[in-house]
Amino acid sequence: MDIDATAMYQRLRHITSATCLTAIILTAPTTIAQSAPLSPQASLGRDLFTNTGLSASGRQSCASCHDPKNHYAPSNDLAVALGGPTLRQRGLRAVPSLTYKNEIPDFAIDLANPDGSASAPGGGHDWDGRMPSIEAQSVMPLLSPYEMANINATAFAARVHSQADLFVRFQHVFGKAAVASPDNLLKATGIALGAYQHEDISFHPYDSKYDQYVNGKINLTPAEKHGMALFNDAGKANCSSCHTAGVGPGLHNGTSVSQFSDFFFRNIGVPTMPQDAFFPYPDEGLCGPLRTDFLPAHNSSNAHYCGMFMTPSLRNTATRHRFFHNGSVRTLRDVVIFYATRDTDPSRWYGKNSHPQNAITVDREDMPFATQKLGAPPTLSDKEINDIISFLKTLTDGYGK
């Protein structure tokens, strides 16, 4: 098996240091997937996922940040993870959940939306979409100085070679070509980790209370139903306009269903709070600095993309301890309040500046922002906020277990 690592990992060089309620119910998954035996590649990926010996510190694995007990998201309340050779290096962005990543479409600057709305930047992996696949994204932390901190593919290969059983297993699963060079071994690692995430049902179980409800097995409470109605009300909370529960874009020009994200990039004016002052750069999202192909320095029109980050899925969001790309908001309730008060009470979110970074590209045209005026009441009442949160909690996997 000849493994050409060049194309798959070329982007690693960029590492720098009004759907209605009925429509949602009709288009959600109609069955809950069942588990199946893992392939040899996925089985290897499962063991690599928890192998701390592949990090420079010897104490960090994929599972250290993507905790299987918390839907492959962090279990702590840190804004960003700690990594590096001594586990003291702060990361650059909040760690996302790895659940439901298998439906993300390929990145396109003009990704088409099945609902017929205007195309826009969307797709890809990581907050800025710069990684082209789960496989490529899976190996990025191995080489990141902020995470597992191998200085290059050769250093990573040396850690694999130091684990004799693991080296033999790579050779058995992928053939001699996979261990013939560090780049080949790195690519094989990505394939194994990707296979694990694609095949293991725990990454996309569709067994939340919402899924049970859609499949007619249970009912929602009045508060949850009201929250769902608000979630889909284009004139009110309007959450579903971005966090699509119906049909949206999918992998390889296909469609996805019930992902609670349309995978498009937007600037919603996420607050930058004092606890995030350790970020070593102004994070512009789609236009840099980690992503380099849309830097304004290349083309002044790229400034239109500054501050845009991918819309995350809301599945399992209620179990998170930090929110948004920078982890600047600590509770789900505060997230909903942010949407209801961003422009009515901006000092609450932006302090003395009273405006977000990249203010010129911030979305002010769509609800719930469109009608917000400085000093006006929030666009959602306390009860409405509570009911939306009740609905969002139904998206947590493992209901009834």
Protein backbone atom coordinates (compact mmCIF):
# COMPACT_ATOMS: atom_id res chain seq x y z
CA MET A 1 0.00 0.00 0.00
CA ASP A 2 1.59 3.23 -1.17
CA ILE A 3 0.67 6.15 1.07
CA ASP A 4 1.16 9.66 -0.29
CA ALA A 5 0.96 12.00 2.68
CA THR A 6 1.58 15.24 0.79
CA ALA A 7 -1.94 16.24 -0.24
CA MET A 8 -3.60 15.17 2.97
CA TYR A 9 -1.35 17.10 5.28
CA GLN A 10 -0.35 20.12 3.22
CA ARG A 11 -2.50 22.36 5.38
CA LEU A 12 -0.74 21.34 8.56
CA ARG A 13 1.82 24.00 7.74
CA HIS A 14 -0.78 26.58 8.72
CA ILE A 15 -0.49 25.61 12.39
CA THR A 16 1.13 28.62 14.02
CA SER A 17 2.29 27.73 17.27
CA ALA A 18 -37.76 29.91 8.71
CA THR A 19 -37.87 26.15 9.15
CA CYS A 20 -41.14 25.29 10.84
CA LEU A 21 -41.70 22.75 13.59
CA THR A 22 -43.35 20.30 11.22
CA ALA A 23 -40.43 20.37 8.80
CA ILE A 24 -38.00 19.59 11.58
CA ILE A 25 -39.97 16.60 12.76
CA LEU A 26 -40.41 15.21 9.26
CA THR A 27 -36.77 15.51 8.26
CA ALA A 28 -35.05 14.28 11.41
CA PRO A 29 -33.49 10.79 11.42
CA THR A 30 -36.20 8.16 11.64
CA THR A 31 -34.09 5.40 13.18
CA ILE A 32 -31.44 5.26 15.85
CA ALA A 33 -28.27 3.65 14.52
CA GLN A 34 -26.98 0.45 16.10
CA SER A 35 -23.38 -0.38 16.93
CA ALA A 36 -21.33 -2.73 14.75
CA PRO A 37 -17.92 -4.36 15.11
CA LEU A 38 -15.06 -1.99 14.36
CA SER A 39 -12.75 -2.57 11.43
CA PRO A 40 -9.06 -3.22 12.19
CA GLN A 41 -8.30 0.40 11.26
CA ALA A 42 -10.99 1.75 13.59
CA SER A 43 -9.96 -0.60 16.38
CA LEU A 44 -6.41 0.71 16.11
CA GLY A 45 -7.79 4.26 16.07
CA ARG A 46 -9.72 3.59 19.28
CA ASP A 47 -6.51 2.60 21.05
CA LEU A 48 -4.55 5.50 19.58
CA PHE A 49 -7.26 7.84 20.87
CA THR A 50 -6.38 7.03 24.49
CA ASN A 51 -2.61 6.54 24.05
CA THR A 52 -0.81 9.18 26.13
CA GLY A 53 2.59 7.90 25.01
CA LEU A 54 2.18 9.61 21.65
CA SER A 55 2.54 13.07 23.22
CA ALA A 56 5.67 14.97 24.16
CA SER A 57 4.50 15.15 27.78
CA GLY A 58 3.70 11.45 27.90
CA ARG A 59 0.50 12.40 29.71
CA GLN A 60 -1.87 13.62 27.01
CA SER A 61 -4.03 11.78 24.50
CA CYS A 62 -6.95 12.70 22.27
CA ALA A 63 -9.25 11.59 25.09
CA SER A 64 -7.61 14.02 27.51
CA CYS A 65 -9.44 16.88 25.82
CA HIS A 66 -12.20 14.95 24.05
CA ASP A 67 -13.54 13.01 27.01
CA PRO A 68 -15.62 10.00 25.93
CA LYS A 69 -17.61 10.39 29.17
CA ASN A 70 -18.68 13.88 28.12
CA HIS A 71 -19.61 13.30 24.48
CA TYR A 72 -15.99 13.74 23.36
CA ALA A 73 -15.84 17.29 24.72
CA PRO A 74 -13.85 18.69 27.66
CA SER A 75 -15.04 17.75 31.13
CA ASN A 76 -13.30 20.68 32.81
CA ASP A 77 -14.29 24.34 32.77
CA LEU A 78 -11.16 25.76 31.13
CA ALA A 79 -11.68 28.20 28.26
CA VAL A 80 -8.96 26.33 26.34
CA ALA A 81 -7.03 23.15 27.01
CA LEU A 82 -3.51 22.96 28.42
CA GLY A 83 -0.89 21.07 26.43
CA GLY A 84 2.69 21.20 25.24
CA PRO A 85 5.70 19.30 26.60
CA THR A 86 4.87 20.15 30.23
CA LEU A 87 1.06 20.53 29.90
CA ARG A 88 1.37 24.22 30.77
CA GLN A 89 0.94 25.68 27.29
CA ARG A 90 -2.49 27.24 26.79
CA GLY A 91 -4.34 26.29 23.65
CA LEU A 92 -5.59 28.80 21.12
CA ARG A 93 -9.28 27.99 20.86
CA ALA A 94 -11.94 26.16 22.82
CA VAL A 95 -11.97 22.39 22.35
CA PRO A 96 -15.09 21.27 20.43
CA SER A 97 -17.01 18.05 20.84
CA LEU A 98 -16.11 15.39 18.28
CA THR A 99 -19.67 14.11 18.04
CA TYR A 100 -21.46 14.40 14.69
CA LYS A 101 -18.38 15.55 12.79
CA ASN A 102 -18.92 12.84 10.16
CA GLU A 103 -21.61 14.89 8.40
CA ILE A 104 -19.60 18.10 7.92
CA PRO A 105 -19.38 19.11 4.23
CA ASP A 106 -16.15 19.86 2.43
CA PHE A 107 -15.06 23.49 2.75
CA ALA A 108 -16.25 25.81 0.01
CA ILE A 109 -16.18 29.58 -0.12
CA ASP A 110 -19.58 29.39 -1.81
CA LEU A 111 -21.12 26.32 -0.17
CA ALA A 112 -24.62 25.72 -1.49
CA ASN A 113 -27.54 25.32 0.89
CA PRO A 114 -30.29 22.80 0.05
CA ASP A 115 -32.94 25.27 1.23
CA GLY A 116 -32.12 27.50 -1.73
CA SER A 117 -30.74 30.39 0.30
CA ALA A 118 -27.64 32.22 -0.86
CA SER A 119 -24.38 30.31 -0.86
CA ALA A 120 -21.67 31.39 1.57
CA PRO A 121 -18.43 30.14 3.14
CA GLY A 122 -19.00 26.84 4.91
CA GLY A 123 -17.71 23.39 5.72
CA GLY A 124 -14.33 21.99 6.62
CA HIS A 125 -13.02 21.04 10.04
CA ASP A 126 -11.87 23.14 12.97
CA TRP A 127 -13.37 26.50 13.92
CA ASP A 128 -12.00 28.06 10.74
CA GLY A 129 -12.59 25.09 8.42
CA ARG A 130 -8.96 24.87 7.37
CA MET A 131 -8.63 21.11 7.86
CA PRO A 132 -10.08 19.16 4.90
CA SER A 133 -11.20 15.99 6.69
CA ILE A 134 -11.60 14.21 10.02
CA GLU A 135 -8.42 12.30 9.18
CA ALA A 136 -6.38 15.46 8.65
CA GLN A 137 -7.85 17.20 11.68
CA SER A 138 -7.11 14.16 13.86
CA VAL A 139 -3.35 14.38 13.33
CA MET A 140 -3.09 18.15 13.74
CA PRO A 141 -2.98 17.98 17.57
CA LEU A 142 -0.10 15.50 17.40
CA LEU A 143 2.12 18.18 15.86
CA SER A 144 0.68 21.29 17.50
CA PRO A 145 3.01 22.92 20.05
CA TYR A 146 -0.11 23.81 22.06
CA GLU A 147 -1.33 20.23 22.25
CA MET A 148 0.59 16.95 21.98
CA ALA A 149 3.67 18.86 20.86
CA ASN A 150 5.61 16.48 18.64
CA ILE A 151 7.99 18.80 16.83
CA ASN A 152 7.54 16.97 13.52
CA ALA A 153 6.46 13.67 11.97
CA THR A 154 9.84 12.13 12.78
CA ALA A 155 9.40 12.82 16.50
CA PHE A 156 5.94 11.30 16.39
CA ALA A 157 7.22 8.22 14.54
CA ALA A 158 9.87 7.76 17.21
CA ARG A 159 7.15 7.54 19.86
CA VAL A 160 5.35 4.89 17.86
CA HIS A 161 8.60 2.94 17.38
CA SER A 162 9.20 3.06 21.14
CA GLN A 163 6.00 1.07 21.64
CA ALA A 164 6.94 -2.22 20.00
CA ASP A 165 3.45 -3.73 20.08
CA LEU A 166 1.96 -0.60 18.57
CA PHE A 167 4.54 -0.49 15.77
CA VAL A 168 3.81 -4.12 14.89
CA ARG A 169 0.11 -3.42 14.91
CA PHE A 170 0.47 -0.51 12.47
CA GLN A 171 2.39 -2.81 10.16
CA HIS A 172 -0.22 -5.53 10.49
CA VAL A 173 -3.18 -3.21 9.80
CA PHE A 174 -1.71 -0.98 7.09
CA GLY A 175 1.22 -2.94 5.67
CA LYS A 176 4.94 -2.22 5.58
CA ALA A 177 4.50 0.96 3.53
CA ALA A 178 2.71 2.59 6.46
CA VAL A 179 5.80 2.36 8.67
CA ALA A 180 8.32 3.03 5.91
CA SER A 181 8.51 6.77 6.63
CA PRO A 182 7.33 9.22 9.32
CA ASP A 183 4.94 10.90 6.89
CA ASN A 184 3.38 7.58 5.97
CA LEU A 185 2.99 6.67 9.63
CA LEU A 186 1.35 10.01 10.35
CA LYS A 187 -1.11 9.53 7.52
CA ALA A 188 -1.92 6.00 8.68
CA THR A 189 -2.60 7.43 12.14
CA GLY A 190 -5.07 9.90 10.68
CA ILE A 191 -6.80 7.13 8.74
CA ALA A 192 -7.10 5.00 11.89
CA LEU A 193 -8.42 7.85 14.03
CA GLY A 194 -10.82 8.84 11.27
CA ALA A 195 -12.09 5.28 10.91
CA TYR A 196 -12.72 5.15 14.66
CA GLN A 197 -14.76 8.34 14.58
CA HIS A 198 -16.72 7.27 11.52
CA GLU A 199 -17.46 3.73 12.70
CA ASP A 200 -17.93 3.93 16.46
CA ILE A 201 -21.57 4.79 17.09
CA SER A 202 -20.72 6.74 20.24
CA PHE A 203 -19.60 9.61 17.99
CA HIS A 204 -23.03 9.88 16.38
CA PRO A 205 -25.58 7.84 18.34
CA TYR A 206 -28.75 9.87 17.67
CA ASP A 207 -30.17 8.71 21.00
CA SER A 208 -31.08 11.99 22.67
CA LYS A 209 -34.50 12.76 24.07
CA TYR A 210 -35.14 14.78 20.93
CA ASP A 211 -34.37 11.74 18.75
CA GLN A 212 -36.62 9.56 20.91
CA TYR A 213 -39.35 12.15 20.49
CA VAL A 214 -38.92 12.33 16.72
CA ASN A 215 -39.17 8.55 16.56
CA GLY A 216 -42.48 8.64 18.45
CA LYS A 217 -41.16 6.88 21.54
CA ILE A 218 -41.69 9.67 24.07
CA ASN A 219 -43.23 13.10 24.35
CA LEU A 220 -41.64 16.41 25.28
CA THR A 221 -42.71 18.51 28.23
CA PRO A 222 -44.69 21.71 27.60
CA ALA A 223 -41.57 23.77 28.34
CA GLU A 224 -39.48 21.72 25.89
CA LYS A 225 -42.12 22.03 23.18
CA HIS A 226 -42.42 25.75 23.71
CA GLY A 227 -38.65 26.06 23.60
CA MET A 228 -38.58 24.13 20.33
CA ALA A 229 -41.22 26.42 18.86
CA LEU A 230 -39.19 29.49 19.87
CA PHE A 231 -36.05 27.85 18.48
CA ASN A 232 -37.76 27.65 15.08
CA ASP A 233 -39.64 30.94 15.15
CA ALA A 234 -38.01 33.12 12.47
CA GLY A 235 -39.51 36.21 14.08
CA LYS A 236 -38.32 35.41 17.57
CA ALA A 237 -35.27 33.37 18.62
CA ASN A 238 -34.65 32.17 15.06
CA CYS A 239 -32.02 29.64 16.21
CA SER A 240 -32.85 27.19 13.43
CA SER A 241 -31.80 29.63 10.72
CA CYS A 242 -28.19 28.69 11.56
CA HIS A 243 -28.57 25.60 13.75
CA THR A 244 -30.53 23.70 11.16
CA ALA A 245 -32.60 20.78 12.40
CA GLY A 246 -33.93 19.97 8.95
CA VAL A 247 -32.01 19.27 5.75
CA GLY A 248 -28.68 21.04 5.33
CA PRO A 249 -25.46 20.71 3.35
CA GLY A 250 -23.52 17.50 3.85
CA LEU A 251 -20.32 15.67 3.05
CA HIS A 252 -19.09 15.49 -0.58
CA ASN A 253 -21.81 17.75 -2.01
CA GLY A 254 -24.51 15.72 -0.32
CA THR A 255 -27.04 16.67 2.33
CA SER A 256 -27.24 16.15 6.07
CA VAL A 257 -30.24 15.90 8.35
CA SER A 258 -30.87 17.06 11.89
CA GLN A 259 -27.32 18.22 12.63
CA PHE A 260 -28.39 21.45 14.38
CA SER A 261 -25.84 23.32 12.27
CA ASP A 262 -25.81 24.43 8.67
CA PHE A 263 -21.97 24.44 8.83
CA PHE A 264 -21.76 28.01 7.50
CA PHE A 265 -19.43 30.72 8.80
CA ARG A 266 -20.77 33.81 10.54
CA ASN A 267 -19.65 36.63 12.76
CA ILE A 268 -22.12 36.97 15.63
CA GLY A 269 -19.88 39.22 17.68
CA VAL A 270 -18.71 36.66 20.21
CA PRO A 271 -17.45 38.51 23.30
CA THR A 272 -13.79 38.55 24.21
CA MET A 273 -13.64 38.59 27.98
CA PRO A 274 -10.67 39.33 30.30
CA GLN A 275 -10.00 35.64 30.93
CA ASP A 276 -9.12 35.30 27.25
CA ALA A 277 -6.33 37.88 27.35
CA PHE A 278 -3.75 35.11 27.04
CA PHE A 279 -4.66 34.58 23.38
CA PRO A 280 -1.43 35.58 21.61
CA TYR A 281 -3.15 37.10 18.57
CA PRO A 282 -6.38 38.72 17.42
CA ASP A 283 -8.39 35.74 16.23
CA GLU A 284 -10.00 36.64 12.92
CA GLY A 285 -11.36 33.16 12.22
CA LEU A 286 -11.78 32.54 8.53
CA CYS A 287 -9.28 35.24 7.57
CA GLY A 288 -6.47 34.24 9.91
CA PRO A 289 -4.09 33.89 11.47
CA LEU A 290 -4.29 30.07 11.64
CA ARG A 291 -6.00 29.93 8.28
CA THR A 292 -3.85 31.71 5.69
CA ASP A 293 -5.62 31.42 2.32
CA PHE A 294 -8.09 34.23 3.10
CA LEU A 295 -5.76 36.71 4.74
CA PRO A 296 -6.68 40.33 3.92
CA ALA A 297 -3.02 40.84 3.06
CA HIS A 298 -3.58 38.63 0.01
CA ASN A 299 -6.73 40.42 -1.09
CA SER A 300 -8.39 43.36 0.64
CA SER A 301 -11.82 41.89 -0.08
CA ASN A 302 -11.01 39.06 2.33
CA ALA A 303 -11.68 41.50 5.18
CA HIS A 304 -15.32 40.60 4.61
CA TYR A 305 -14.58 37.22 6.21
CA CYS A 306 -12.85 38.52 9.33
CA GLY A 307 -14.45 37.38 12.56
CA MET A 308 -16.33 34.51 10.93
CA PHE A 309 -16.33 31.10 12.60
CA MET A 310 -18.21 27.93 11.75
CA THR A 311 -21.61 27.40 13.32
CA PRO A 312 -21.21 24.44 15.70
CA SER A 313 -23.77 21.70 16.18
CA LEU A 314 -25.96 22.13 19.23
CA ARG A 315 -26.12 18.41 19.89
CA ASN A 316 -24.75 17.76 23.39
CA THR A 317 -24.25 21.49 23.91
CA ALA A 318 -25.94 21.39 27.32
CA THR A 319 -23.06 19.33 28.75
CA ARG A 320 -20.40 21.89 27.84
CA HIS A 321 -18.73 24.14 30.41
CA ARG A 322 -17.44 26.75 27.94
CA PHE A 323 -19.03 28.15 24.81
CA PHE A 324 -18.04 29.80 21.51
CA HIS A 325 -14.70 29.51 19.75
CA ASN A 326 -12.81 31.23 22.55
CA GLY A 327 -14.62 29.72 25.52
CA SER A 328 -15.59 33.20 26.66
CA VAL A 329 -19.06 32.30 27.95
CA ARG A 330 -19.41 29.90 30.85
CA THR A 331 -23.05 28.77 30.88
CA LEU A 332 -25.67 27.78 28.35
CA ARG A 333 -28.05 30.24 29.92
CA ASP A 334 -25.60 33.08 29.33
CA VAL A 335 -25.26 31.98 25.70
CA VAL A 336 -29.01 32.39 25.16
CA ILE A 337 -28.99 35.67 27.09
CA PHE A 338 -26.16 36.88 24.85
CA TYR A 339 -28.31 36.34 21.77
CA ALA A 340 -31.19 38.21 23.45
CA THR A 341 -29.18 41.18 24.73
CA ARG A 342 -26.08 41.57 22.54
CA ASP A 343 -27.15 44.94 21.15
CA THR A 344 -29.58 46.01 23.89
CA ASP A 345 -26.89 45.82 26.58
CA PRO A 346 -23.52 45.65 24.78
CA SER A 347 -21.47 46.77 27.79
CA ARG A 348 -22.45 43.51 29.48
CA TRP A 349 -20.54 41.61 26.79
CA TYR A 350 -17.88 44.01 25.56
CA GLY A 351 -17.12 46.16 28.58
CA LYS A 352 -16.06 49.76 27.99
CA ASN A 353 -15.55 49.14 24.26
CA SER A 354 -19.26 48.42 23.90
CA HIS A 355 -18.73 46.79 20.53
CA PRO A 356 -17.40 43.45 19.29
CA GLN A 357 -14.17 42.77 17.45
CA ASN A 358 -14.59 43.08 13.65
CA ALA A 359 -17.80 45.02 14.27
CA ILE A 360 -18.19 45.85 10.59
CA THR A 361 -18.87 42.21 9.68
CA VAL A 362 -21.11 41.34 12.65
CA ASP A 363 -24.56 40.01 11.77
CA ARG A 364 -27.13 42.67 12.57
CA GLU A 365 -29.72 41.77 9.94
CA ASP A 366 -31.09 38.48 11.25
CA MET A 367 -33.23 37.79 14.27
CA PRO A 368 -32.78 37.84 17.18
CA PHE A 369 -30.42 40.76 16.46
CA ALA A 370 -32.40 42.66 13.82
CA THR A 371 -34.79 44.44 16.19
CA GLN A 372 -32.42 45.02 19.11
CA LYS A 373 -31.95 48.65 20.13
CA LEU A 374 -29.60 50.03 22.76
CA GLY A 375 -31.35 50.16 26.14
CA ALA A 376 -34.41 48.24 24.95
CA PRO A 377 -35.69 45.15 26.80
CA PRO A 378 -34.18 41.77 25.83
CA THR A 379 -35.75 40.09 22.84
CA LEU A 380 -36.53 37.02 24.97
CA SER A 381 -38.22 36.89 28.36
CA ASP A 382 -36.81 34.88 31.25
CA LYS A 383 -39.44 32.19 30.68
CA GLU A 384 -38.64 32.02 26.98
CA ILE A 385 -34.95 31.71 27.76
CA ASN A 386 -35.66 28.93 30.24
CA ASP A 387 -37.83 27.07 27.74
CA ILE A 388 -35.21 27.31 24.99
CA ILE A 389 -32.66 25.86 27.40
CA SER A 390 -35.10 23.08 28.26
CA PHE A 391 -35.30 22.22 24.57
CA LEU A 392 -31.54 22.37 24.08
CA LYS A 393 -31.13 19.87 26.91
CA THR A 394 -33.18 17.38 24.89
CA LEU A 395 -30.30 17.28 22.39
CA THR A 396 -28.01 15.51 24.87
CA ASP A 397 -27.23 11.94 23.80
CA GLY A 398 -27.78 8.93 26.04
CA TYR A 399 -31.31 9.77 27.14
CA GLY A 400 -32.67 7.17 29.51
CA LYS A 401 -29.32 5.44 30.01
